[in-house]
Amino acid sequence: MAQVDIRVNGREYRVTCEDGHEDRLQRLAAYFDKYVTQLSEDLGQIGDSRLMLLSALTVCDELFEARERVGDLETATDKLDKETAGAASRAIEAATKRVNEIVERLQ
């Protein structure tokens, strides 16, 4: 297990994670810290516990909205008939082929 030092709200925390996940943990901490910092600036000194709770709820709200959007997209694609879905797939494949051809010429 690896140990990573992360910084949230100006404080250092040592966190354990699986080997190879150190960079991801750093990115997650930095992402969360943005919410903590913004709320701290907006609300002032409300205490660390409340600040962390409100930040976590804000991130959870963002997660729930993203999940709802994914669900909406999945539902929308379920409604496509096979012919429309196939045409979209062929268009994507053609665009990918064209991009690859351009890349080869540039190299």
PDB file of N, CA and C in Angstrom:
ATOM      1  N   MET A   1       0.842  -1.183   0.000  1.00  0.00           N
ATOM      2  CA  MET A   1       0.000   0.000   0.000  1.00  0.00           C
ATOM      3  C   MET A   1       0.886   1.244   0.000  1.00  0.00           C
ATOM      4  N   ALA A   2       0.477   2.207  -0.791  1.00  0.00           N
ATOM      5  CA  ALA A   2       1.237   3.453  -0.883  1.00  0.00           C
ATOM      6  C   ALA A   2       0.637   4.486   0.059  1.00  0.00           C
ATOM      7  N   GLN A   3       1.458   5.422   0.482  1.00  0.00           N
ATOM      8  CA  GLN A   3       0.985   6.541   1.290  1.00  0.00           C
ATOM      9  C   GLN A   3       1.187   7.830   0.491  1.00  0.00           C
ATOM     10  N   VAL A   4       0.166   8.663   0.505  1.00  0.00           N
ATOM     11  CA  VAL A   4       0.182   9.894  -0.269  1.00  0.00           C
ATOM     12  C   VAL A   4      -0.155  11.047   0.656  1.00  0.00           C
ATOM     13  N   ASP A   5       0.582  12.136   0.524  1.00  0.00           N
ATOM     14  CA  ASP A   5       0.255  13.358   1.249  1.00  0.00           C
ATOM     15  C   ASP A   5      -0.629  14.214   0.362  1.00  0.00           C
ATOM     16  N   ILE A   6      -1.832  14.519   0.862  1.00  0.00           N
ATOM     17  CA  ILE A   6      -2.753  15.377   0.117  1.00  0.00           C
ATOM     18  C   ILE A   6      -3.004  16.637   0.935  1.00  0.00           C
ATOM     19  N   ARG A   7      -3.481  17.664   0.265  1.00  0.00           N
ATOM     20  CA  ARG A   7      -3.745  18.938   0.924  1.00  0.00           C
ATOM     21  C   ARG A   7      -5.192  19.331   0.653  1.00  0.00           C
ATOM     22  N   VAL A   8      -5.943  19.550   1.731  1.00  0.00           N
ATOM     23  CA  VAL A   8      -7.328  20.006   1.642  1.00  0.00           C
ATOM     24  C   VAL A   8      -7.510  21.132   2.644  1.00  0.00           C
ATOM     25  N   ASN A   9      -7.987  22.253   2.159  1.00  0.00           N
ATOM     26  CA  ASN A   9      -8.233  23.426   2.989  1.00  0.00           C
ATOM     27  C   ASN A   9      -6.963  23.869   3.741  1.00  0.00           C
ATOM     28  N   GLY A  10      -5.835  23.759   3.045  1.00  0.00           N
ATOM     29  CA  GLY A  10      -4.583  24.209   3.628  1.00  0.00           C
ATOM     30  C   GLY A  10      -3.955  23.259   4.626  1.00  0.00           C
ATOM     31  N   ARG A  11      -4.547  22.103   4.815  1.00  0.00           N
ATOM     32  CA  ARG A  11      -4.018  21.129   5.770  1.00  0.00           C
ATOM     33  C   ARG A  11      -3.516  19.895   5.036  1.00  0.00           C
ATOM     34  N   GLU A  12      -2.428  19.352   5.554  1.00  0.00           N
ATOM     35  CA  GLU A  12      -1.843  18.134   4.984  1.00  0.00           C
ATOM     36  C   GLU A  12      -2.469  16.911   5.647  1.00  0.00           C
ATOM     37  N   TYR A  13      -2.764  15.923   4.819  1.00  0.00           N
ATOM     38  CA  TYR A  13      -3.277  14.646   5.305  1.00  0.00           C
ATOM     39  C   TYR A  13      -2.474  13.533   4.634  1.00  0.00           C
ATOM     40  N   ARG A  14      -2.109  12.527   5.377  1.00  0.00           N
ATOM     41  CA  ARG A  14      -1.456  11.349   4.814  1.00  0.00           C
ATOM     42  C   ARG A  14      -2.533  10.281   4.651  1.00  0.00           C
ATOM     43  N   VAL A  15      -2.661   9.802   3.410  1.00  0.00           N
ATOM     44  CA  VAL A  15      -3.712   8.853   3.074  1.00  0.00           C
ATOM     45  C   VAL A  15      -3.072   7.618   2.438  1.00  0.00           C
ATOM     46  N   THR A  16      -3.596   6.472   2.766  1.00  0.00           N
ATOM     47  CA  THR A  16      -3.115   5.220   2.192  1.00  0.00           C
ATOM     48  C   THR A  16      -3.996   4.835   1.013  1.00  0.00           C
ATOM     49  N   CYS A  17      -3.354   4.342  -0.039  1.00  0.00           N
ATOM     50  CA  CYS A  17      -4.103   3.882  -1.208  1.00  0.00           C
ATOM     51  C   CYS A  17      -3.364   2.702  -1.829  1.00  0.00           C
ATOM     52  N   GLU A  18      -4.000   2.066  -2.785  1.00  0.00           N
ATOM     53  CA  GLU A  18      -3.369   0.955  -3.482  1.00  0.00           C
ATOM     54  C   GLU A  18      -2.210   1.478  -4.317  1.00  0.00           C
ATOM     55  N   ASP A  19      -1.181   0.674  -4.449  1.00  0.00           N
ATOM     56  CA  ASP A  19      -0.050   1.054  -5.291  1.00  0.00           C
ATOM     57  C   ASP A  19      -0.538   1.364  -6.702  1.00  0.00           C
ATOM     58  N   GLY A  20      -0.006   2.418  -7.262  1.00  0.00           N
ATOM     59  CA  GLY A  20      -0.376   2.817  -8.611  1.00  0.00           C
ATOM     60  C   GLY A  20      -1.532   3.800  -8.673  1.00  0.00           C
ATOM     61  N   HIS A  21      -2.196   4.051  -7.544  1.00  0.00           N
ATOM     62  CA  HIS A  21      -3.324   4.966  -7.524  1.00  0.00           C
ATOM     63  C   HIS A  21      -2.975   6.335  -6.927  1.00  0.00           C
ATOM     64  N   GLU A  22      -1.703   6.582  -6.733  1.00  0.00           N
ATOM     65  CA  GLU A  22      -1.276   7.816  -6.064  1.00  0.00           C
ATOM     66  C   GLU A  22      -1.684   9.066  -6.850  1.00  0.00           C
ATOM     67  N   ASP A  23      -1.445   9.061  -8.162  1.00  0.00           N
ATOM     68  CA  ASP A  23      -1.793  10.234  -8.969  1.00  0.00           C
ATOM     69  C   ASP A  23      -3.291  10.493  -8.965  1.00  0.00           C
ATOM     70  N   ARG A  24      -4.058   9.425  -9.061  1.00  0.00           N
ATOM     71  CA  ARG A  24      -5.522   9.583  -9.042  1.00  0.00           C
ATOM     72  C   ARG A  24      -5.983  10.179  -7.716  1.00  0.00           C
ATOM     73  N   LEU A  25      -5.423   9.708  -6.633  1.00  0.00           N
ATOM     74  CA  LEU A  25      -5.778  10.227  -5.322  1.00  0.00           C
ATOM     75  C   LEU A  25      -5.425  11.709  -5.209  1.00  0.00           C
ATOM     76  N   GLN A  26      -4.275  12.088  -5.743  1.00  0.00           N
ATOM     77  CA  GLN A  26      -3.879  13.500  -5.734  1.00  0.00           C
ATOM     78  C   GLN A  26      -4.886  14.341  -6.523  1.00  0.00           C
ATOM     79  N   ARG A  27      -5.307  13.837  -7.692  1.00  0.00           N
ATOM     80  CA  ARG A  27      -6.280  14.572  -8.515  1.00  0.00           C
ATOM     81  C   ARG A  27      -7.625  14.678  -7.809  1.00  0.00           C
ATOM     82  N   LEU A  28      -8.050  13.602  -7.164  1.00  0.00           N
ATOM     83  CA  LEU A  28      -9.315  13.634  -6.424  1.00  0.00           C
ATOM     84  C   LEU A  28      -9.260  14.656  -5.286  1.00  0.00           C
ATOM     85  N   ALA A  29      -8.148  14.657  -4.564  1.00  0.00           N
ATOM     86  CA  ALA A  29      -7.996  15.599  -3.454  1.00  0.00           C
ATOM     87  C   ALA A  29      -7.996  17.035  -3.957  1.00  0.00           C
ATOM     88  N   ALA A  30      -7.312  17.285  -5.068  1.00  0.00           N
ATOM     89  CA  ALA A  30      -7.280  18.641  -5.631  1.00  0.00           C
ATOM     90  C   ALA A  30      -8.674  19.076  -6.082  1.00  0.00           C
ATOM     91  N   TYR A  31      -9.422  18.158  -6.665  1.00  0.00           N
ATOM     92  CA  TYR A  31     -10.787  18.447  -7.108  1.00  0.00           C
ATOM     93  C   TYR A  31     -11.670  18.806  -5.916  1.00  0.00           C
ATOM     94  N   PHE A  32     -11.592  17.992  -4.870  1.00  0.00           N
ATOM     95  CA  PHE A  32     -12.378  18.241  -3.667  1.00  0.00           C
ATOM     96  C   PHE A  32     -11.954  19.549  -3.002  1.00  0.00           C
ATOM     97  N   ASP A  33     -10.663  19.807  -2.985  1.00  0.00           N
ATOM     98  CA  ASP A  33     -10.151  21.014  -2.355  1.00  0.00           C
ATOM     99  C   ASP A  33     -10.708  22.273  -3.010  1.00  0.00           C
ATOM    100  N   LYS A  34     -10.970  22.216  -4.314  1.00  0.00           N
ATOM    101  CA  LYS A  34     -11.567  23.381  -4.992  1.00  0.00           C
ATOM    102  C   LYS A  34     -12.919  23.724  -4.385  1.00  0.00           C
ATOM    103  N   TYR A  35     -13.711  22.700  -4.089  1.00  0.00           N
ATOM    104  CA  TYR A  35     -15.019  22.932  -3.474  1.00  0.00           C
ATOM    105  C   TYR A  35     -14.870  23.468  -2.050  1.00  0.00           C
ATOM    106  N   VAL A  36     -13.969  22.877  -1.311  1.00  0.00           N
ATOM    107  CA  VAL A  36     -13.742  23.308   0.071  1.00  0.00           C
ATOM    108  C   VAL A  36     -13.287  24.771   0.089  1.00  0.00           C
ATOM    109  N   THR A  37     -12.342  25.103  -0.766  1.00  0.00           N
ATOM    110  CA  THR A  37     -11.816  26.470  -0.822  1.00  0.00           C
ATOM    111  C   THR A  37     -12.914  27.462  -1.198  1.00  0.00           C
ATOM    112  N   GLN A  38     -13.705  27.113  -2.209  1.00  0.00           N
ATOM    113  CA  GLN A  38     -14.773  28.023  -2.655  1.00  0.00           C
ATOM    114  C   GLN A  38     -15.810  28.236  -1.552  1.00  0.00           C
ATOM    115  N   LEU A  39     -16.232  27.161  -0.900  1.00  0.00           N
ATOM    116  CA  LEU A  39     -17.209  27.301   0.178  1.00  0.00           C
ATOM    117  C   LEU A  39     -16.631  28.089   1.347  1.00  0.00           C
ATOM    118  N   SER A  40     -15.378  27.866   1.641  1.00  0.00           N
ATOM    119  CA  SER A  40     -14.724  28.597   2.724  1.00  0.00           C
ATOM    120  C   SER A  40     -14.709  30.092   2.428  1.00  0.00           C
ATOM    121  N   GLU A  41     -14.425  30.437   1.168  1.00  0.00           N
ATOM    122  CA  GLU A  41     -14.435  31.849   0.777  1.00  0.00           C
ATOM    123  C   GLU A  41     -15.845  32.429   0.824  1.00  0.00           C
ATOM    124  N   ASP A  42     -16.825  31.643   0.404  1.00  0.00           N
ATOM    125  CA  ASP A  42     -18.215  32.121   0.365  1.00  0.00           C
ATOM    126  C   ASP A  42     -18.845  32.233   1.753  1.00  0.00           C
ATOM    127  N   LEU A  43     -18.557  31.263   2.630  1.00  0.00           N
ATOM    128  CA  LEU A  43     -19.253  31.186   3.917  1.00  0.00           C
ATOM    129  C   LEU A  43     -18.423  31.666   5.107  1.00  0.00           C
ATOM    130  N   GLY A  44     -17.128  31.820   4.910  1.00  0.00           N
ATOM    131  CA  GLY A  44     -16.280  32.224   6.029  1.00  0.00           C
ATOM    132  C   GLY A  44     -15.981  31.047   6.936  1.00  0.00           C
ATOM    133  N   GLN A  45     -15.593  31.342   8.156  1.00  0.00           N
ATOM    134  CA  GLN A  45     -15.231  30.302   9.115  1.00  0.00           C
ATOM    135  C   GLN A  45     -16.485  29.685   9.723  1.00  0.00           C
ATOM    136  N   ILE A  46     -16.812  28.493   9.260  1.00  0.00           N
ATOM    137  CA  ILE A  46     -17.994  27.787   9.780  1.00  0.00           C
ATOM    138  C   ILE A  46     -17.586  26.506  10.493  1.00  0.00           C
ATOM    139  N   GLY A  47     -16.299  26.279  10.638  1.00  0.00           N
ATOM    140  CA  GLY A  47     -15.799  25.066  11.276  1.00  0.00           C
ATOM    141  C   GLY A  47     -15.456  24.018  10.237  1.00  0.00           C
ATOM    142  N   ASP A  48     -14.395  23.280  10.515  1.00  0.00           N
ATOM    143  CA  ASP A  48     -13.916  22.280   9.553  1.00  0.00           C
ATOM    144  C   ASP A  48     -14.945  21.192   9.259  1.00  0.00           C
ATOM    145  N   SER A  49     -15.611  20.714  10.279  1.00  0.00           N
ATOM    146  CA  SER A  49     -16.574  19.625  10.076  1.00  0.00           C
ATOM    147  C   SER A  49     -17.706  20.047   9.160  1.00  0.00           C
ATOM    148  N   ARG A  50     -18.274  21.213   9.424  1.00  0.00           N
ATOM    149  CA  ARG A  50     -19.375  21.702   8.577  1.00  0.00           C
ATOM    150  C   ARG A  50     -18.891  22.003   7.178  1.00  0.00           C
ATOM    151  N   LEU A  51     -17.691  22.568   7.075  1.00  0.00           N
ATOM    152  CA  LEU A  51     -17.122  22.884   5.772  1.00  0.00           C
ATOM    153  C   LEU A  51     -16.921  21.615   4.943  1.00  0.00           C
ATOM    154  N   MET A  52     -16.386  20.584   5.561  1.00  0.00           N
ATOM    155  CA  MET A  52     -16.173  19.312   4.859  1.00  0.00           C
ATOM    156  C   MET A  52     -17.503  18.673   4.483  1.00  0.00           C
ATOM    157  N   LEU A  53     -18.478  18.722   5.389  1.00  0.00           N
ATOM    158  CA  LEU A  53     -19.791  18.151   5.114  1.00  0.00           C
ATOM    159  C   LEU A  53     -20.453  18.852   3.934  1.00  0.00           C
ATOM    160  N   LEU A  54     -20.476  20.174   3.955  1.00  0.00           N
ATOM    161  CA  LEU A  54     -21.104  20.922   2.866  1.00  0.00           C
ATOM    162  C   LEU A  54     -20.374  20.698   1.543  1.00  0.00           C
ATOM    163  N   SER A  55     -19.065  20.595   1.603  1.00  0.00           N
ATOM    164  CA  SER A  55     -18.295  20.328   0.382  1.00  0.00           C
ATOM    165  C   SER A  55     -18.611  18.942  -0.162  1.00  0.00           C
ATOM    166  N   ALA A  56     -18.664  17.955   0.722  1.00  0.00           N
ATOM    167  CA  ALA A  56     -18.980  16.592   0.301  1.00  0.00           C
ATOM    168  C   ALA A  56     -20.386  16.523  -0.296  1.00  0.00           C
ATOM    169  N   LEU A  57     -21.340  17.223   0.303  1.00  0.00           N
ATOM    170  CA  LEU A  57     -22.698  17.245  -0.235  1.00  0.00           C
ATOM    171  C   LEU A  57     -22.737  17.913  -1.607  1.00  0.00           C
ATOM    172  N   THR A  58     -21.943  18.946  -1.800  1.00  0.00           N
ATOM    173  CA  THR A  58     -21.874  19.628  -3.092  1.00  0.00           C
ATOM    174  C   THR A  58     -21.329  18.693  -4.164  1.00  0.00           C
ATOM    175  N   VAL A  59     -20.271  17.958  -3.835  1.00  0.00           N
ATOM    176  CA  VAL A  59     -19.695  17.007  -4.787  1.00  0.00           C
ATOM    177  C   VAL A  59     -20.689  15.876  -5.067  1.00  0.00           C
ATOM    178  N   CYS A  60     -21.388  15.408  -4.038  1.00  0.00           N
ATOM    179  CA  CYS A  60     -22.399  14.357  -4.232  1.00  0.00           C
ATOM    180  C   CYS A  60     -23.528  14.847  -5.134  1.00  0.00           C
ATOM    181  N   ASP A  61     -23.919  16.092  -4.969  1.00  0.00           N
ATOM    182  CA  ASP A  61     -24.948  16.670  -5.820  1.00  0.00           C
ATOM    183  C   ASP A  61     -24.495  16.668  -7.279  1.00  0.00           C
ATOM    184  N   GLU A  62     -23.255  17.039  -7.501  1.00  0.00           N
ATOM    185  CA  GLU A  62     -22.696  17.017  -8.855  1.00  0.00           C
ATOM    186  C   GLU A  62     -22.691  15.593  -9.412  1.00  0.00           C
ATOM    187  N   LEU A  63     -22.317  14.633  -8.586  1.00  0.00           N
ATOM    188  CA  LEU A  63     -22.310  13.234  -9.000  1.00  0.00           C
ATOM    189  C   LEU A  63     -23.713  12.759  -9.369  1.00  0.00           C
ATOM    190  N   PHE A  64     -24.697  13.082  -8.547  1.00  0.00           N
ATOM    191  CA  PHE A  64     -26.069  12.665  -8.819  1.00  0.00           C
ATOM    192  C   PHE A  64     -26.569  13.267 -10.127  1.00  0.00           C
ATOM    193  N   GLU A  65     -26.266  14.540 -10.370  1.00  0.00           N
ATOM    194  CA  GLU A  65     -26.672  15.176 -11.631  1.00  0.00           C
ATOM    195  C   GLU A  65     -26.025  14.474 -12.815  1.00  0.00           C
ATOM    196  N   ALA A  66     -24.747  14.127 -12.695  1.00  0.00           N
ATOM    197  CA  ALA A  66     -24.052  13.438 -13.783  1.00  0.00           C
ATOM    198  C   ALA A  66     -24.682  12.067 -14.027  1.00  0.00           C
ATOM    199  N   ARG A  67     -25.023  11.362 -12.960  1.00  0.00           N
ATOM    200  CA  ARG A  67     -25.660  10.048 -13.113  1.00  0.00           C
ATOM    201  C   ARG A  67     -27.020  10.171 -13.805  1.00  0.00           C
ATOM    202  N   GLU A  68     -27.767  11.208 -13.455  1.00  0.00           N
ATOM    203  CA  GLU A  68     -29.064  11.421 -14.101  1.00  0.00           C
ATOM    204  C   GLU A  68     -28.882  11.680 -15.597  1.00  0.00           C
ATOM    205  N   ARG A  69     -27.882  12.476 -15.953  1.00  0.00           N
ATOM    206  CA  ARG A  69     -27.619  12.757 -17.368  1.00  0.00           C
ATOM    207  C   ARG A  69     -27.232  11.492 -18.118  1.00  0.00           C
ATOM    208  N   VAL A  70     -26.400  10.663 -17.499  1.00  0.00           N
ATOM    209  CA  VAL A  70     -26.013   9.395 -18.129  1.00  0.00           C
ATOM    210  C   VAL A  70     -27.250   8.533 -18.328  1.00  0.00           C
ATOM    211  N   GLY A  71     -28.093   8.471 -17.319  1.00  0.00           N
ATOM    212  CA  GLY A  71     -29.325   7.699 -17.441  1.00  0.00           C
ATOM    213  C   GLY A  71     -30.215   8.220 -18.557  1.00  0.00           C
ATOM    214  N   ASP A  72     -30.309   9.542 -18.672  1.00  0.00           N
ATOM    215  CA  ASP A  72     -31.100  10.141 -19.752  1.00  0.00           C
ATOM    216  C   ASP A  72     -30.519   9.785 -21.119  1.00  0.00           C
ATOM    217  N   LEU A  73     -29.200   9.817 -21.237  1.00  0.00           N
ATOM    218  CA  LEU A  73     -28.562   9.464 -22.505  1.00  0.00           C
ATOM    219  C   LEU A  73     -28.777   8.000 -22.851  1.00  0.00           C
ATOM    220  N   GLU A  74     -28.668   7.135 -21.841  1.00  0.00           N
ATOM    221  CA  GLU A  74     -28.896   5.710 -22.088  1.00  0.00           C
ATOM    222  C   GLU A  74     -30.325   5.460 -22.530  1.00  0.00           C
ATOM    223  N   THR A  75     -31.267   6.149 -21.913  1.00  0.00           N
ATOM    224  CA  THR A  75     -32.677   6.005 -22.287  1.00  0.00           C
ATOM    225  C   THR A  75     -32.895   6.510 -23.701  1.00  0.00           C
ATOM    226  N   ALA A  76     -32.248   7.621 -24.043  1.00  0.00           N
ATOM    227  CA  ALA A  76     -32.404   8.189 -25.384  1.00  0.00           C
ATOM    228  C   ALA A  76     -31.854   7.240 -26.446  1.00  0.00           C
ATOM    229  N   THR A  77     -30.715   6.608 -26.170  1.00  0.00           N
ATOM    230  CA  THR A  77     -30.145   5.688 -27.161  1.00  0.00           C
ATOM    231  C   THR A  77     -30.978   4.421 -27.281  1.00  0.00           C
ATOM    232  N   ASP A  78     -31.656   4.031 -26.213  1.00  0.00           N
ATOM    233  CA  ASP A  78     -32.530   2.853 -26.282  1.00  0.00           C
ATOM    234  C   ASP A  78     -33.677   3.088 -27.253  1.00  0.00           C
ATOM    235  N   LYS A  79     -34.065   4.343 -27.439  1.00  0.00           N
ATOM    236  CA  LYS A  79     -35.188   4.682 -28.294  1.00  0.00           C
ATOM    237  C   LYS A  79     -34.816   4.734 -29.772  1.00  0.00           C
ATOM    238  N   LEU A  80     -33.510   4.751 -30.082  1.00  0.00           N
ATOM    239  CA  LEU A  80     -33.089   4.767 -31.480  1.00  0.00           C
ATOM    240  C   LEU A  80     -33.377   3.426 -32.136  1.00  0.00           C
ATOM    241  N   ASP A  81     -33.874   3.488 -33.361  1.00  0.00           N
ATOM    242  CA  ASP A  81     -34.054   2.226 -34.063  1.00  0.00           C
ATOM    243  C   ASP A  81     -32.700   1.737 -34.571  1.00  0.00           C
ATOM    244  N   LYS A  82     -32.631   0.487 -34.935  1.00  0.00           N
ATOM    245  CA  LYS A  82     -31.359  -0.119 -35.329  1.00  0.00           C
ATOM    246  C   LYS A  82     -30.753   0.578 -36.538  1.00  0.00           C
ATOM    247  N   GLU A  83     -31.590   1.027 -37.465  1.00  0.00           N
ATOM    248  CA  GLU A  83     -31.087   1.686 -38.672  1.00  0.00           C
ATOM    249  C   GLU A  83     -30.404   3.004 -38.332  1.00  0.00           C
ATOM    250  N   THR A  84     -31.014   3.787 -37.453  1.00  0.00           N
ATOM    251  CA  THR A  84     -30.432   5.070 -37.048  1.00  0.00           C
ATOM    252  C   THR A  84     -29.143   4.846 -36.268  1.00  0.00           C
ATOM    253  N   ALA A  85     -29.159   3.889 -35.342  1.00  0.00           N
ATOM    254  CA  ALA A  85     -27.965   3.596 -34.556  1.00  0.00           C
ATOM    255  C   ALA A  85     -26.844   3.103 -35.459  1.00  0.00           C
ATOM    256  N   GLY A  86     -27.171   2.288 -36.444  1.00  0.00           N
ATOM    257  CA  GLY A  86     -26.169   1.782 -37.375  1.00  0.00           C
ATOM    258  C   GLY A  86     -25.572   2.895 -38.221  1.00  0.00           C
ATOM    259  N   ALA A  87     -26.406   3.826 -38.657  1.00  0.00           N
ATOM    260  CA  ALA A  87     -25.918   4.950 -39.456  1.00  0.00           C
ATOM    261  C   ALA A  87     -24.977   5.825 -38.635  1.00  0.00           C
ATOM    262  N   ALA A  88     -25.326   6.041 -37.390  1.00  0.00           N
ATOM    263  CA  ALA A  88     -24.458   6.851 -36.523  1.00  0.00           C
ATOM    264  C   ALA A  88     -23.125   6.146 -36.324  1.00  0.00           C
ATOM    265  N   SER A  89     -23.165   4.848 -36.152  1.00  0.00           N
ATOM    266  CA  SER A  89     -21.942   4.072 -35.968  1.00  0.00           C
ATOM    267  C   SER A  89     -21.065   4.147 -37.212  1.00  0.00           C
ATOM    268  N   ARG A  90     -21.676   4.026 -38.381  1.00  0.00           N
ATOM    269  CA  ARG A  90     -20.906   4.104 -39.630  1.00  0.00           C
ATOM    270  C   ARG A  90     -20.305   5.495 -39.818  1.00  0.00           C
ATOM    271  N   ALA A  91     -21.023   6.536 -39.432  1.00  0.00           N
ATOM    272  CA  ALA A  91     -20.501   7.904 -39.555  1.00  0.00           C
ATOM    273  C   ALA A  91     -19.300   8.110 -38.637  1.00  0.00           C
ATOM    274  N   ILE A  92     -19.376   7.564 -37.443  1.00  0.00           N
ATOM    275  CA  ILE A  92     -18.259   7.673 -36.504  1.00  0.00           C
ATOM    276  C   ILE A  92     -17.052   6.916 -37.029  1.00  0.00           C
ATOM    277  N   GLU A  93     -17.271   5.728 -37.556  1.00  0.00           N
ATOM    278  CA  GLU A  93     -16.172   4.940 -38.119  1.00  0.00           C
ATOM    279  C   GLU A  93     -15.514   5.662 -39.289  1.00  0.00           C
ATOM    280  N   ALA A  94     -16.322   6.286 -40.161  1.00  0.00           N
ATOM    281  CA  ALA A  94     -15.775   7.014 -41.303  1.00  0.00           C
ATOM    282  C   ALA A  94     -14.960   8.217 -40.837  1.00  0.00           C
ATOM    283  N   ALA A  95     -15.456   8.926 -39.834  1.00  0.00           N
ATOM    284  CA  ALA A  95     -14.731  10.087 -39.303  1.00  0.00           C
ATOM    285  C   ALA A  95     -13.421   9.643 -38.662  1.00  0.00           C
ATOM    286  N   THR A  96     -13.439   8.542 -37.950  1.00  0.00           N
ATOM    287  CA  THR A  96     -12.224   8.024 -37.330  1.00  0.00           C
ATOM    288  C   THR A  96     -11.200   7.642 -38.392  1.00  0.00           C
ATOM    289  N   LYS A  97     -11.653   6.990 -39.452  1.00  0.00           N
ATOM    290  CA  LYS A  97     -10.758   6.612 -40.545  1.00  0.00           C
ATOM    291  C   LYS A  97     -10.137   7.856 -41.171  1.00  0.00           C
ATOM    292  N   ARG A  98     -10.938   8.872 -41.390  1.00  0.00           N
ATOM    293  CA  ARG A  98     -10.445  10.117 -42.010  1.00  0.00           C
ATOM    294  C   ARG A  98      -9.410  10.790 -41.108  1.00  0.00           C
ATOM    295  N   VAL A  99      -9.656  10.850 -39.808  1.00  0.00           N
ATOM    296  CA  VAL A  99      -8.707  11.446 -38.862  1.00  0.00           C
ATOM    297  C   VAL A  99      -7.404  10.662 -38.873  1.00  0.00           C
ATOM    298  N   ASN A 100      -7.484   9.343 -38.889  1.00  0.00           N
ATOM    299  CA  ASN A 100      -6.279   8.507 -38.923  1.00  0.00           C
ATOM    300  C   ASN A 100      -5.483   8.742 -40.213  1.00  0.00           C
ATOM    301  N   GLU A 101      -6.177   8.914 -41.325  1.00  0.00           N
ATOM    302  CA  GLU A 101      -5.487   9.209 -42.600  1.00  0.00           C
ATOM    303  C   GLU A 101      -4.755  10.541 -42.521  1.00  0.00           C
ATOM    304  N   ILE A 102      -5.364  11.540 -41.929  1.00  0.00           N
ATOM    305  CA  ILE A 102      -4.744  12.838 -41.800  1.00  0.00           C
ATOM    306  C   ILE A 102      -3.520  12.757 -40.899  1.00  0.00           C
ATOM    307  N   VAL A 103      -3.637  12.019 -39.812  1.00  0.00           N
ATOM    308  CA  VAL A 103      -2.508  11.839 -38.893  1.00  0.00           C
ATOM    309  C   VAL A 103      -1.336  11.177 -39.604  1.00  0.00           C
ATOM    310  N   GLU A 104      -1.636  10.142 -40.395  1.00  0.00           N
ATOM    311  CA  GLU A 104      -0.574   9.449 -41.131  1.00  0.00           C
ATOM    312  C   GLU A 104       0.129  10.401 -42.093  1.00  0.00           C
ATOM    313  N   ARG A 105      -0.623  11.254 -42.787  1.00  0.00           N
ATOM    314  CA  ARG A 105      -0.006  12.203 -43.709  1.00  0.00           C
ATOM    315  C   ARG A 105       0.845  13.234 -42.991  1.00  0.00           C
ATOM    316  N   LEU A 106       0.422  13.644 -41.815  1.00  0.00           N
ATOM    317  CA  LEU A 106       1.186  14.637 -41.059  1.00  0.00           C
ATOM    318  C   LEU A 106       2.480  14.057 -40.502  1.00  0.00           C
ATOM    319  N   GLN A 107       2.483  12.753 -40.265  1.00  0.00           N
ATOM    320  CA  GLN A 107       3.704  12.125 -39.733  1.00  0.00           C
ATOM    321  C   GLN A 107       4.682  11.971 -40.854  1.00  0.00           C
TER     322      GLN A 107
END
